[in-house]
């Protein structure tokens, strides 16, 4: 499995933004839950390798022109919805706190 897709799945499932260091800890912790050799191989992934994979993944999401994108805010990564989709998301969840997967980006 490719690192960037593993990181994508973690961030998609996360309830909050995660830093590259936190993501490294998740990768290391995955070995406790599986005998999978791919998980074991990623146990010692560097923070730099994680940052590089996240930047690549962010570019790919932006180029795909999806309704969401991957962004880094204050050193932590999360998926956010594009601002033009705010009316529909607000109709779904109202103005109360939204799960991280439904956050709306303030940048276009």
Protein backbone atom coordinates (compact mmCIF):
# COMPACT_ATOMS: atom_id res chain seq x y z
CA UNK A 1 0.00 0.00 0.00
CA UNK A 2 1.15 3.49 -0.77
CA UNK A 3 1.86 5.78 2.19
CA UNK A 4 -0.22 8.69 0.89
CA UNK A 5 -3.34 6.52 0.62
CA UNK A 6 -2.86 5.17 4.13
CA UNK A 7 -2.54 8.75 5.40
CA UNK A 8 -5.63 9.72 3.42
CA UNK A 9 -7.66 6.97 5.06
CA UNK A 10 -6.46 7.98 8.53
CA UNK A 11 -7.27 11.66 7.99
CA UNK A 12 -10.65 10.85 6.45
CA UNK A 13 -11.55 8.86 9.57
CA UNK A 14 -10.02 11.24 12.12
CA UNK A 15 -12.25 13.38 14.30
CA UNK A 16 -9.67 16.18 14.41
CA UNK A 17 -6.72 17.52 12.40
CA UNK A 18 -3.50 15.55 12.84
CA UNK A 19 0.11 16.66 12.64
CA UNK A 20 2.75 14.64 10.78
CA UNK A 21 4.15 13.56 14.17
CA UNK A 22 0.70 12.34 15.28
CA UNK A 23 0.31 10.51 11.99
CA UNK A 24 3.71 8.85 12.53
CA UNK A 25 2.47 7.67 15.93
CA UNK A 26 -0.64 6.19 14.31
CA UNK A 27 1.51 4.37 11.74
CA UNK A 28 3.71 3.00 14.52
CA UNK A 29 0.66 1.97 16.56
CA UNK A 30 -0.86 0.06 13.65
CA UNK A 31 1.63 -2.75 14.17
CA UNK A 32 -0.06 -3.54 17.49
CA UNK A 33 -3.31 -4.33 15.67
CA UNK A 34 -2.09 -6.46 12.77
CA UNK A 35 0.44 -8.95 11.53
CA UNK A 36 0.42 -7.20 8.14
CA UNK A 37 3.95 -6.77 6.81
CA UNK A 38 3.01 -3.48 5.08
CA UNK A 39 1.97 -2.00 8.43
CA UNK A 40 5.19 -3.19 10.03
CA UNK A 41 7.24 -1.67 7.19
CA UNK A 42 5.69 1.76 7.86
CA UNK A 43 6.38 1.66 11.60
CA UNK A 44 9.51 3.79 11.31
CA UNK A 45 8.30 6.22 8.65
CA UNK A 46 9.93 9.63 9.09
CA UNK A 47 8.00 12.83 9.70
CA UNK A 48 9.61 14.23 6.53
CA UNK A 49 8.31 11.32 4.44
CA UNK A 50 4.85 11.84 5.91
CA UNK A 51 4.94 15.58 5.17
CA UNK A 52 6.04 14.93 1.60
CA UNK A 53 3.24 12.39 1.06
CA UNK A 54 0.66 14.81 2.52
CA UNK A 55 1.81 17.65 0.26
CA UNK A 56 1.57 15.35 -2.77
CA UNK A 57 -1.88 14.17 -1.72
CA UNK A 58 -3.00 17.77 -1.21
CA UNK A 59 -1.88 18.69 -4.75
CA UNK A 60 -3.68 15.67 -6.18
CA UNK A 61 -6.93 16.57 -4.42
CA UNK A 62 -6.69 20.16 -5.64
CA UNK A 63 -5.99 19.08 -9.23
CA UNK A 64 -8.97 16.74 -9.13
CA UNK A 65 -11.22 19.75 -8.36
CA UNK A 66 -13.28 17.82 -5.83
CA UNK A 67 -15.82 19.35 -3.44
CA UNK A 68 -13.25 18.93 -0.67
CA UNK A 69 -9.50 19.27 -0.27
CA UNK A 70 -6.68 18.40 2.10
CA UNK A 71 -5.20 21.39 3.93
CA UNK A 72 -2.60 22.07 6.57
CA UNK A 73 -3.63 24.56 9.25
CA UNK A 74 -1.26 25.38 12.10
CA UNK A 75 0.85 22.32 11.32
CA UNK A 76 -2.02 19.81 11.32
CA UNK A 77 -3.77 18.25 8.33
CA UNK A 78 -7.48 17.81 7.69
CA UNK A 79 -10.03 17.49 4.92
CA UNK A 80 -12.24 20.54 4.40
CA UNK A 81 -15.12 21.25 2.08
CA UNK A 82 -14.71 23.90 -0.59
CA UNK A 83 -16.40 27.15 0.50
CA UNK A 84 -18.84 27.19 -2.42
CA UNK A 85 -20.56 24.12 -0.95
CA UNK A 86 -21.29 25.82 2.39
CA UNK A 87 -25.05 26.33 1.82
CA UNK A 88 -25.69 22.61 1.40
CA UNK A 89 -23.45 21.56 4.26
CA UNK A 90 -25.08 24.08 6.58
CA UNK A 91 -28.49 22.75 5.52
CA UNK A 92 -27.32 19.27 6.49
CA UNK A 93 -25.70 20.01 9.82
CA UNK A 94 -27.00 23.45 10.76
CA UNK A 95 -24.79 25.92 12.56
CA UNK A 96 -23.75 23.63 15.41
CA UNK A 97 -20.27 22.14 15.58
CA UNK A 98 -19.47 20.11 12.52
CA UNK A 99 -17.38 16.95 12.34
CA UNK A 100 -13.93 17.56 10.86
CA UNK A 101 -14.84 15.88 7.56
CA UNK A 102 -17.49 18.55 7.01
CA UNK A 103 -15.47 21.65 7.86
CA UNK A 104 -15.73 24.40 5.31
CA UNK A 105 -12.59 26.04 4.06
CA UNK A 106 -12.46 29.81 4.21
CA UNK A 107 -10.06 29.94 1.25
CA UNK A 108 -11.18 29.54 -2.32
